Amino acid sequence: MKWRLSGDLYWVVLEKGEDVGASLCAFFREANVESAAVVGIGALADTELGFLDVKSGQYLKTRFPDEMELVSFVGNVALVEGKPFLHAHAALSGPDLVVKGGHFFGGRVAVTMECQVLPGANGPIPRRFDQATGLKLIDLG
């Protein structure tokens, strides 16, 4: 992973073989990013996406083992128990150009992943467990 600050925007490049979630969270800790918007493109493999079944509160997960184009990666960073937590959704496409998308659970960089991270300017944003949904939701007070 390599990164550079340009004005208020971080440019983060993940390299082939890197675990996306682990590498981005390492960057957030290293750069002291406590809240941010995150976008990215690239190519991933061994990616797991999910769809939240609201009635059951469970994610229906699908793994995509092949290398796929990362058409879009959109998410945010907030703190859970004082540590950076990535919440992202991803859209993937194969050679048939059919796009599959959902909640991002994990993946490995197949070629490169180029991200832009725009940190929040007014301190950390927390996530807290929400009893009604069973999810860690952003808590703005």
N, C-alpha and C. Protein backbone atom coordinates (compact mmCIF):
# COMPACT_ATOMS: atom_id res chain seq x y z
N MET A 1 0.85 -1.17 0.00
CA MET A 1 0.00 0.00 0.00
C MET A 1 0.89 1.24 0.00
N LYS A 2 0.47 2.19 -0.83
CA LYS A 2 1.15 3.48 -0.86
C LYS A 2 0.07 4.56 -0.75
N TRP A 3 0.43 5.67 -0.11
CA TRP A 3 -0.54 6.76 -0.02
C TRP A 3 0.15 8.10 0.01
N ARG A 4 -0.62 9.11 -0.40
CA ARG A 4 -0.11 10.48 -0.41
C ARG A 4 -1.27 11.43 -0.15
N LEU A 5 -0.99 12.47 0.63
CA LEU A 5 -1.98 13.52 0.88
C LEU A 5 -1.79 14.61 -0.17
N SER A 6 -2.88 14.97 -0.84
CA SER A 6 -2.86 16.04 -1.84
C SER A 6 -3.97 17.02 -1.48
N GLY A 7 -3.61 18.14 -0.88
CA GLY A 7 -4.62 19.06 -0.36
C GLY A 7 -5.33 18.40 0.80
N ASP A 8 -6.65 18.30 0.71
CA ASP A 8 -7.44 17.64 1.76
C ASP A 8 -7.74 16.18 1.43
N LEU A 9 -7.26 15.70 0.29
CA LEU A 9 -7.62 14.37 -0.21
C LEU A 9 -6.44 13.41 -0.15
N TYR A 10 -6.67 12.23 0.41
CA TYR A 10 -5.66 11.18 0.38
C TYR A 10 -5.86 10.33 -0.86
N TRP A 11 -4.76 10.03 -1.54
CA TRP A 11 -4.74 9.06 -2.64
C TRP A 11 -4.09 7.80 -2.07
N VAL A 12 -4.79 6.68 -2.16
CA VAL A 12 -4.31 5.42 -1.59
C VAL A 12 -4.30 4.38 -2.71
N VAL A 13 -3.16 3.74 -2.92
CA VAL A 13 -3.05 2.70 -3.94
C VAL A 13 -2.70 1.38 -3.26
N LEU A 14 -3.57 0.40 -3.46
CA LEU A 14 -3.32 -0.95 -2.95
C LEU A 14 -2.73 -1.77 -4.09
N GLU A 15 -1.82 -2.66 -3.73
CA GLU A 15 -1.10 -3.44 -4.73
C GLU A 15 -1.59 -4.88 -4.78
N LYS A 16 -1.26 -5.54 -5.87
CA LYS A 16 -1.69 -6.92 -6.11
C LYS A 16 -1.44 -7.80 -4.88
N GLY A 17 -2.48 -8.56 -4.51
CA GLY A 17 -2.38 -9.50 -3.40
C GLY A 17 -2.81 -8.94 -2.06
N GLU A 18 -2.93 -7.63 -1.94
CA GLU A 18 -3.31 -7.04 -0.65
C GLU A 18 -4.77 -7.32 -0.31
N ASP A 19 -5.03 -7.52 0.98
CA ASP A 19 -6.38 -7.65 1.49
C ASP A 19 -6.95 -6.23 1.60
N VAL A 20 -8.06 -5.98 0.91
CA VAL A 20 -8.60 -4.62 0.83
C VAL A 20 -8.96 -4.06 2.21
N GLY A 21 -9.76 -4.78 2.97
CA GLY A 21 -10.20 -4.29 4.27
C GLY A 21 -9.05 -4.06 5.23
N ALA A 22 -8.16 -5.03 5.35
CA ALA A 22 -7.03 -4.91 6.27
C ALA A 22 -6.10 -3.77 5.86
N SER A 23 -5.84 -3.64 4.57
CA SER A 23 -4.94 -2.58 4.10
C SER A 23 -5.53 -1.20 4.30
N LEU A 24 -6.82 -1.03 3.97
CA LEU A 24 -7.44 0.28 4.16
C LEU A 24 -7.51 0.64 5.64
N CYS A 25 -7.84 -0.31 6.49
CA CYS A 25 -7.88 -0.01 7.93
C CYS A 25 -6.49 0.31 8.47
N ALA A 26 -5.45 -0.34 7.93
CA ALA A 26 -4.08 0.00 8.32
C ALA A 26 -3.75 1.43 7.91
N PHE A 27 -4.18 1.82 6.71
CA PHE A 27 -3.98 3.20 6.27
C PHE A 27 -4.70 4.18 7.20
N PHE A 28 -5.97 3.89 7.54
CA PHE A 28 -6.73 4.80 8.41
C PHE A 28 -6.01 5.01 9.74
N ARG A 29 -5.47 3.93 10.30
CA ARG A 29 -4.73 4.05 11.57
C ARG A 29 -3.44 4.86 11.38
N GLU A 30 -2.71 4.53 10.31
CA GLU A 30 -1.42 5.18 10.03
C GLU A 30 -1.59 6.69 9.80
N ALA A 31 -2.65 7.07 9.08
CA ALA A 31 -2.88 8.48 8.74
C ALA A 31 -3.79 9.17 9.76
N ASN A 32 -4.18 8.44 10.80
CA ASN A 32 -5.05 8.97 11.86
C ASN A 32 -6.38 9.48 11.30
N VAL A 33 -6.98 8.71 10.39
CA VAL A 33 -8.28 9.04 9.80
C VAL A 33 -9.36 8.42 10.68
N GLU A 34 -10.20 9.27 11.28
CA GLU A 34 -11.25 8.79 12.19
C GLU A 34 -12.64 8.85 11.57
N SER A 35 -12.79 9.62 10.51
CA SER A 35 -14.04 9.66 9.76
C SER A 35 -13.69 10.11 8.35
N ALA A 36 -14.36 9.51 7.35
CA ALA A 36 -14.03 9.86 5.97
C ALA A 36 -15.04 9.25 5.01
N ALA A 37 -15.05 9.81 3.81
CA ALA A 37 -15.73 9.21 2.67
C ALA A 37 -14.64 8.51 1.85
N VAL A 38 -14.96 7.34 1.29
CA VAL A 38 -13.99 6.54 0.55
C VAL A 38 -14.60 6.11 -0.78
N VAL A 39 -13.85 6.29 -1.86
CA VAL A 39 -14.26 5.76 -3.17
C VAL A 39 -13.06 5.07 -3.79
N GLY A 40 -13.33 4.13 -4.71
CA GLY A 40 -12.22 3.44 -5.35
C GLY A 40 -12.64 2.69 -6.60
N ILE A 41 -11.62 2.35 -7.40
CA ILE A 41 -11.78 1.52 -8.59
C ILE A 41 -10.57 0.60 -8.68
N GLY A 42 -10.65 -0.41 -9.55
CA GLY A 42 -9.51 -1.30 -9.72
C GLY A 42 -9.95 -2.67 -10.18
N ALA A 43 -9.27 -3.69 -9.69
CA ALA A 43 -9.61 -5.08 -10.00
C ALA A 43 -9.38 -5.92 -8.76
N LEU A 44 -10.37 -6.77 -8.44
CA LEU A 44 -10.30 -7.61 -7.25
C LEU A 44 -10.50 -9.07 -7.60
N ALA A 45 -10.13 -9.93 -6.68
CA ALA A 45 -10.39 -11.37 -6.77
C ALA A 45 -10.79 -11.85 -5.39
N ASP A 46 -11.39 -13.02 -5.35
CA ASP A 46 -11.80 -13.63 -4.08
C ASP A 46 -12.57 -12.62 -3.23
N THR A 47 -13.57 -12.02 -3.87
CA THR A 47 -14.35 -10.95 -3.23
C THR A 47 -15.65 -11.51 -2.68
N GLU A 48 -16.04 -11.03 -1.51
CA GLU A 48 -17.31 -11.44 -0.91
C GLU A 48 -18.21 -10.22 -0.75
N LEU A 49 -19.41 -10.33 -1.36
CA LEU A 49 -20.42 -9.29 -1.26
C LEU A 49 -21.65 -9.86 -0.58
N GLY A 50 -22.49 -8.98 -0.05
CA GLY A 50 -23.68 -9.46 0.63
C GLY A 50 -24.88 -8.56 0.40
N PHE A 51 -26.04 -9.15 0.64
CA PHE A 51 -27.32 -8.45 0.58
C PHE A 51 -27.99 -8.64 1.92
N LEU A 52 -28.40 -7.55 2.56
CA LEU A 52 -29.04 -7.65 3.87
C LEU A 52 -30.51 -8.00 3.71
N ASP A 53 -30.89 -9.16 4.22
CA ASP A 53 -32.30 -9.55 4.31
C ASP A 53 -32.85 -8.86 5.55
N VAL A 54 -33.59 -7.80 5.34
CA VAL A 54 -34.04 -6.96 6.45
C VAL A 54 -34.93 -7.75 7.41
N LYS A 55 -35.76 -8.64 6.89
CA LYS A 55 -36.67 -9.40 7.77
C LYS A 55 -35.90 -10.28 8.75
N SER A 56 -34.90 -10.98 8.27
CA SER A 56 -34.14 -11.89 9.14
C SER A 56 -32.98 -11.18 9.84
N GLY A 57 -32.56 -10.04 9.29
CA GLY A 57 -31.40 -9.34 9.84
C GLY A 57 -30.09 -10.00 9.47
N GLN A 58 -30.13 -10.94 8.52
CA GLN A 58 -28.93 -11.68 8.11
C GLN A 58 -28.49 -11.25 6.71
N TYR A 59 -27.19 -11.29 6.49
CA TYR A 59 -26.66 -11.02 5.16
C TYR A 59 -26.63 -12.31 4.35
N LEU A 60 -27.10 -12.25 3.11
CA LEU A 60 -26.97 -13.34 2.16
C LEU A 60 -25.68 -13.05 1.39
N LYS A 61 -24.66 -13.88 1.60
CA LYS A 61 -23.34 -13.60 1.06
C LYS A 61 -23.05 -14.43 -0.18
N THR A 62 -22.31 -13.82 -1.11
CA THR A 62 -21.85 -14.50 -2.32
C THR A 62 -20.37 -14.20 -2.50
N ARG A 63 -19.60 -15.26 -2.78
CA ARG A 63 -18.16 -15.10 -3.01
C ARG A 63 -17.90 -15.16 -4.52
N PHE A 64 -17.06 -14.25 -4.99
CA PHE A 64 -16.66 -14.19 -6.40
C PHE A 64 -15.16 -14.48 -6.44
N PRO A 65 -14.77 -15.75 -6.72
CA PRO A 65 -13.35 -16.12 -6.65
C PRO A 65 -12.50 -15.56 -7.80
N ASP A 66 -13.12 -15.34 -8.96
CA ASP A 66 -12.37 -14.91 -10.14
C ASP A 66 -11.97 -13.44 -10.06
N GLU A 67 -11.00 -13.08 -10.88
CA GLU A 67 -10.62 -11.68 -11.00
C GLU A 67 -11.75 -10.93 -11.69
N MET A 68 -12.14 -9.80 -11.10
CA MET A 68 -13.23 -9.00 -11.65
C MET A 68 -12.86 -7.53 -11.59
N GLU A 69 -13.44 -6.79 -12.52
CA GLU A 69 -13.26 -5.34 -12.53
C GLU A 69 -14.02 -4.74 -11.35
N LEU A 70 -13.37 -3.89 -10.58
CA LEU A 70 -14.04 -3.16 -9.51
C LEU A 70 -14.58 -1.87 -10.13
N VAL A 71 -15.84 -1.92 -10.52
CA VAL A 71 -16.48 -0.81 -11.22
C VAL A 71 -16.67 0.37 -10.28
N SER A 72 -17.00 0.08 -9.03
CA SER A 72 -17.22 1.14 -8.05
C SER A 72 -17.06 0.59 -6.64
N PHE A 73 -16.45 1.38 -5.80
CA PHE A 73 -16.28 1.07 -4.38
C PHE A 73 -16.60 2.36 -3.65
N VAL A 74 -17.66 2.34 -2.85
CA VAL A 74 -18.12 3.55 -2.17
C VAL A 74 -18.39 3.21 -0.71
N GLY A 75 -17.87 4.04 0.18
CA GLY A 75 -18.10 3.76 1.59
C GLY A 75 -17.71 4.90 2.49
N ASN A 76 -17.64 4.57 3.77
CA ASN A 76 -17.24 5.57 4.75
C ASN A 76 -16.46 4.90 5.87
N VAL A 77 -15.82 5.74 6.65
CA VAL A 77 -15.05 5.29 7.81
C VAL A 77 -15.62 6.02 9.02
N ALA A 78 -15.87 5.27 10.08
CA ALA A 78 -16.27 5.83 11.36
C ALA A 78 -15.60 4.98 12.43
N LEU A 79 -15.70 5.42 13.67
CA LEU A 79 -15.05 4.69 14.76
C LEU A 79 -16.01 3.74 15.45
N VAL A 80 -15.55 2.52 15.67
CA VAL A 80 -16.25 1.54 16.51
C VAL A 80 -15.31 1.21 17.65
N GLU A 81 -15.73 1.53 18.86
CA GLU A 81 -14.91 1.31 20.05
C GLU A 81 -13.51 1.91 19.87
N GLY A 82 -13.47 3.11 19.28
CA GLY A 82 -12.22 3.84 19.12
C GLY A 82 -11.33 3.42 17.97
N LYS A 83 -11.78 2.45 17.15
CA LYS A 83 -10.96 1.97 16.04
C LYS A 83 -11.67 2.25 14.71
N PRO A 84 -10.90 2.55 13.64
CA PRO A 84 -11.52 2.81 12.34
C PRO A 84 -12.28 1.59 11.83
N PHE A 85 -13.49 1.84 11.34
CA PHE A 85 -14.36 0.78 10.83
C PHE A 85 -14.79 1.18 9.43
N LEU A 86 -14.52 0.32 8.45
CA LEU A 86 -14.88 0.57 7.06
C LEU A 86 -16.24 -0.03 6.75
N HIS A 87 -17.15 0.79 6.24
CA HIS A 87 -18.44 0.31 5.74
C HIS A 87 -18.49 0.69 4.27
N ALA A 88 -18.52 -0.32 3.39
CA ALA A 88 -18.47 -0.04 1.95
C ALA A 88 -19.37 -0.96 1.17
N HIS A 89 -19.75 -0.49 0.00
CA HIS A 89 -20.46 -1.30 -0.98
C HIS A 89 -19.60 -1.33 -2.23
N ALA A 90 -19.71 -2.41 -3.00
CA ALA A 90 -18.89 -2.57 -4.19
C ALA A 90 -19.73 -3.09 -5.35
N ALA A 91 -19.31 -2.70 -6.55
CA ALA A 91 -19.91 -3.21 -7.78
C ALA A 91 -18.78 -3.85 -8.59
N LEU A 92 -18.98 -5.11 -8.98
CA LEU A 92 -17.98 -5.88 -9.72
C LEU A 92 -18.53 -6.28 -11.08
N SER A 93 -17.65 -6.41 -12.07
CA SER A 93 -18.06 -6.85 -13.40
C SER A 93 -17.05 -7.85 -13.94
N GLY A 94 -17.57 -8.89 -14.60
CA GLY A 94 -16.72 -9.87 -15.26
C GLY A 94 -16.66 -9.59 -16.75
N PRO A 95 -16.14 -10.55 -17.54
CA PRO A 95 -16.00 -10.35 -18.98
C PRO A 95 -17.33 -10.18 -19.71
N ASP A 96 -18.42 -10.64 -19.09
CA ASP A 96 -19.74 -10.47 -19.71
C ASP A 96 -20.32 -9.08 -19.45
N LEU A 97 -19.62 -8.26 -18.68
CA LEU A 97 -20.00 -6.89 -18.32
C LEU A 97 -21.28 -6.82 -17.49
N VAL A 98 -21.69 -7.93 -16.92
CA VAL A 98 -22.82 -7.93 -16.00
C VAL A 98 -22.30 -7.51 -14.63
N VAL A 99 -22.96 -6.54 -14.03
CA VAL A 99 -22.50 -5.98 -12.75
C VAL A 99 -23.21 -6.66 -11.59
N LYS A 100 -22.42 -7.05 -10.60
CA LYS A 100 -22.93 -7.60 -9.34
C LYS A 100 -22.50 -6.64 -8.24
N GLY A 101 -23.41 -6.33 -7.34
CA GLY A 101 -23.05 -5.38 -6.30
C GLY A 101 -23.66 -5.73 -4.96
N GLY A 102 -23.10 -5.15 -3.92
CA GLY A 102 -23.64 -5.36 -2.59
C GLY A 102 -22.70 -4.85 -1.52
N HIS A 103 -23.05 -5.19 -0.28
CA HIS A 103 -22.22 -4.83 0.88
C HIS A 103 -20.87 -5.53 0.75
N PHE A 104 -19.79 -4.79 0.93
CA PHE A 104 -18.44 -5.34 0.78
C PHE A 104 -17.99 -6.00 2.07
N PHE A 105 -17.74 -7.31 2.00
CA PHE A 105 -17.23 -8.05 3.16
C PHE A 105 -15.73 -8.30 3.07
N GLY A 106 -15.19 -8.33 1.87
CA GLY A 106 -13.75 -8.55 1.75
C GLY A 106 -13.36 -8.90 0.34
N GLY A 107 -12.07 -8.78 0.08
CA GLY A 107 -11.54 -9.11 -1.23
C GLY A 107 -10.05 -8.88 -1.26
N ARG A 108 -9.44 -9.37 -2.32
CA ARG A 108 -8.00 -9.27 -2.50
C ARG A 108 -7.75 -8.52 -3.81
N VAL A 109 -6.76 -7.66 -3.82
CA VAL A 109 -6.45 -6.89 -5.02
C VAL A 109 -5.88 -7.82 -6.08
N ALA A 110 -6.47 -7.78 -7.29
CA ALA A 110 -6.01 -8.63 -8.39
C ALA A 110 -4.95 -7.93 -9.24
N VAL A 111 -5.07 -6.64 -9.43
CA VAL A 111 -4.11 -5.86 -10.21
C VAL A 111 -3.70 -4.62 -9.42
N THR A 112 -4.65 -3.75 -9.17
CA THR A 112 -4.46 -2.54 -8.38
C THR A 112 -5.81 -2.09 -7.85
N MET A 113 -5.79 -1.27 -6.82
CA MET A 113 -7.00 -0.59 -6.36
C MET A 113 -6.60 0.83 -6.02
N GLU A 114 -7.25 1.77 -6.68
CA GLU A 114 -6.95 3.19 -6.51
C GLU A 114 -8.10 3.84 -5.77
N CYS A 115 -7.80 4.39 -4.60
CA CYS A 115 -8.83 4.98 -3.74
C CYS A 115 -8.55 6.45 -3.48
N GLN A 116 -9.63 7.17 -3.25
CA GLN A 116 -9.55 8.53 -2.76
C GLN A 116 -10.29 8.55 -1.42
N VAL A 117 -9.66 9.15 -0.43
CA VAL A 117 -10.22 9.21 0.92
C VAL A 117 -10.30 10.68 1.32
N LEU A 118 -11.52 11.14 1.61
CA LEU A 118 -11.74 12.51 2.03
C LEU A 118 -12.11 12.52 3.51
N PRO A 119 -11.17 12.88 4.38
CA PRO A 119 -11.43 12.85 5.82
C PRO A 119 -12.43 13.92 6.25
N GLY A 120 -13.16 13.61 7.32
CA GLY A 120 -14.02 14.60 7.95
C GLY A 120 -13.17 15.63 8.66
N ALA A 121 -13.66 16.87 8.72
CA ALA A 121 -12.87 17.96 9.28
C ALA A 121 -13.16 18.24 10.75
N ASN A 122 -14.22 17.69 11.28
CA ASN A 122 -14.63 18.07 12.63
C ASN A 122 -14.54 16.94 13.64
N GLY A 123 -13.54 16.10 13.52
CA GLY A 123 -13.34 15.05 14.50
C GLY A 123 -14.01 13.74 14.13
N PRO A 124 -13.93 12.78 15.04
CA PRO A 124 -14.43 11.43 14.75
C PRO A 124 -15.95 11.36 14.69
N ILE A 125 -16.41 10.40 13.92
CA ILE A 125 -17.84 10.05 13.85
C ILE A 125 -17.94 8.62 14.40
N PRO A 126 -18.76 8.40 15.43
CA PRO A 126 -18.87 7.05 16.00
C PRO A 126 -19.96 6.20 15.35
N ARG A 127 -19.76 4.89 15.43
CA ARG A 127 -20.81 3.92 15.12
C ARG A 127 -21.14 3.21 16.41
N ARG A 128 -22.42 2.96 16.62
CA ARG A 128 -22.84 2.25 17.82
C ARG A 128 -23.82 1.15 17.43
N PHE A 129 -23.83 0.10 18.24
CA PHE A 129 -24.75 -1.01 18.00
C PHE A 129 -26.18 -0.52 18.16
N ASP A 130 -27.00 -0.83 17.16
CA ASP A 130 -28.42 -0.47 17.19
C ASP A 130 -29.23 -1.74 17.47
N GLN A 131 -29.90 -1.75 18.60
CA GLN A 131 -30.66 -2.93 19.05
C GLN A 131 -31.72 -3.34 18.03
N ALA A 132 -32.41 -2.37 17.45
CA ALA A 132 -33.53 -2.65 16.55
C ALA A 132 -33.09 -3.37 15.28
N THR A 133 -31.92 -2.99 14.74
CA THR A 133 -31.47 -3.58 13.48
C THR A 133 -30.39 -4.64 13.66
N GLY A 134 -29.71 -4.61 14.80
CA GLY A 134 -28.59 -5.52 15.02
C GLY A 134 -27.33 -5.08 14.28
N LEU A 135 -27.31 -3.84 13.81
CA LEU A 135 -26.19 -3.31 13.05
C LEU A 135 -25.48 -2.21 13.82
N LYS A 136 -24.24 -1.94 13.42
CA LYS A 136 -23.49 -0.81 13.98
C LYS A 136 -23.75 0.38 13.06
N LEU A 137 -24.57 1.31 13.53
CA LEU A 137 -24.98 2.45 12.72
C LEU A 137 -24.26 3.72 13.16
N ILE A 138 -24.11 4.66 12.24
CA ILE A 138 -23.51 5.95 12.56
C ILE A 138 -24.40 6.65 13.58
N ASP A 139 -23.77 7.17 14.62
CA ASP A 139 -24.50 7.86 15.70
C ASP A 139 -24.08 9.33 15.70
N LEU A 140 -24.98 10.19 15.23
CA LEU A 140 -24.69 11.62 15.19
C LEU A 140 -25.22 12.35 16.42
N GLY A 141 -25.65 11.56 17.43
CA GLY A 141 -26.05 12.19 18.69
C GLY A 141 -27.48 12.37 18.86
